[in-house]
Amino acid sequence: MAPGAGQRLLAAALVGFGTWHVLDSVLSHWILGIHRIRMDVPNPLVWDLLWFFAFGVAVIFAGWWLRRRAARVVASERGGRAAAALV
């Protein structure tokens, strides 16, 4: 297995998971109004925003960070920054 492949795979999964939740929040919760995270509270937008940031934005950021970290590991193993640009 290539160096950093496991981290890159996990990073891609995190970005995909987070992207799905961002799109679901925007489309299903706000634009189409299909469902909300919690309907039994006075202000469901608070829960929607919490879900949006906790399972969307934060997870995308974690995947992005992990991807950059994996690229640095691969670059250091290959001996330079030029290799990081190719990853």
Protein backbone atom coordinates (compact mmCIF):
# COMPACT_ATOMS: atom_id res chain seq x y z
CA MET A 1 0.00 0.00 0.00
CA ALA A 2 1.26 3.49 -0.84
CA PRO A 3 2.49 5.69 2.02
CA GLY A 4 -0.36 7.76 3.44
CA ALA A 5 -3.03 5.89 1.45
CA GLY A 6 -5.04 5.06 4.55
CA GLN A 7 -5.05 8.69 5.67
CA ARG A 8 -6.02 9.88 2.21
CA LEU A 9 -8.88 7.39 2.11
CA LEU A 10 -10.13 8.49 5.53
CA ALA A 11 -9.77 12.14 4.50
CA ALA A 12 -11.85 11.54 1.37
CA ALA A 13 -14.51 9.73 3.42
CA LEU A 14 -14.68 12.61 5.90
CA VAL A 15 -14.97 15.21 3.15
CA GLY A 16 -17.70 13.18 1.46
CA PHE A 17 -19.60 12.67 4.71
CA GLY A 18 -19.38 16.36 5.58
CA THR A 19 -20.34 17.46 2.08
CA TRP A 20 -23.42 15.23 2.18
CA HIS A 21 -24.52 16.83 5.46
CA VAL A 22 -23.94 20.36 4.17
CA LEU A 23 -25.97 19.65 1.04
CA ASP A 24 -28.68 17.89 3.05
CA SER A 25 -28.91 20.82 5.45
CA VAL A 26 -29.13 23.43 2.73
CA LEU A 27 -31.45 21.57 0.39
CA SER A 28 -33.66 19.45 2.64
CA HIS A 29 -33.83 21.65 5.72
CA TRP A 30 -33.80 25.17 4.36
CA ILE A 31 -34.62 25.37 0.65
CA LEU A 32 -37.14 22.53 0.27
CA GLY A 33 -38.26 22.39 3.92
CA ILE A 34 -38.65 18.60 3.76
CA HIS A 35 -37.51 17.98 7.33
CA ARG A 36 -35.74 19.59 10.27
CA ILE A 37 -33.38 18.14 12.86
CA ARG A 38 -35.80 18.84 15.73
CA MET A 39 -39.36 19.92 15.20
CA ASP A 40 -40.43 19.90 18.86
CA VAL A 41 -38.45 22.99 19.88
CA PRO A 42 -39.38 26.67 19.62
CA ASN A 43 -36.50 27.45 17.24
CA PRO A 44 -35.57 24.49 14.99
CA LEU A 45 -33.03 26.64 13.11
CA VAL A 46 -30.66 26.43 16.09
CA TRP A 47 -30.59 22.64 15.80
CA ASP A 48 -30.23 22.81 12.02
CA LEU A 49 -27.23 25.13 12.36
CA LEU A 50 -25.68 22.94 15.07
CA TRP A 51 -26.04 19.90 12.80
CA PHE A 52 -24.71 21.88 9.82
CA PHE A 53 -21.52 22.89 11.63
CA ALA A 54 -20.95 19.73 13.72
CA PHE A 55 -21.53 17.14 10.99
CA GLY A 56 -20.89 19.26 7.91
CA VAL A 57 -18.38 22.06 8.18
CA ALA A 58 -16.29 20.57 11.01
CA VAL A 59 -16.06 17.16 9.32
CA ILE A 60 -15.09 18.71 5.97
CA PHE A 61 -12.40 20.72 7.75
CA ALA A 62 -11.13 17.58 9.53
CA GLY A 63 -10.92 15.73 6.20
CA TRP A 64 -9.13 18.65 4.56
CA TRP A 65 -6.66 18.84 7.45
CA LEU A 66 -6.03 15.09 7.35
CA ARG A 67 -5.49 15.21 3.59
CA ARG A 68 -2.91 17.98 3.96
CA ARG A 69 -1.22 16.06 6.79
CA ALA A 70 -1.04 12.91 4.66
CA ALA A 71 0.47 14.92 1.79
CA ARG A 72 3.16 16.26 4.13
CA VAL A 73 3.99 12.75 5.32
CA VAL A 74 4.30 11.49 1.76
CA ALA A 75 6.41 14.52 0.78
CA SER A 76 8.77 14.01 3.70
CA GLU A 77 9.15 10.33 2.82
CA ARG A 78 9.86 11.19 -0.81
CA GLY A 79 12.23 13.94 0.16
CA GLY A 80 10.73 17.30 -0.64
CA ARG A 81 7.95 19.72 -1.23
CA ALA A 82 7.76 18.99 -4.96
CA ALA A 83 6.29 15.59 -4.16
CA ALA A 84 3.57 17.24 -2.03
CA ALA A 85 2.36 19.19 -5.05
CA LEU A 86 1.79 15.96 -6.93
CA VAL A 87 -0.19 14.27 -4.16
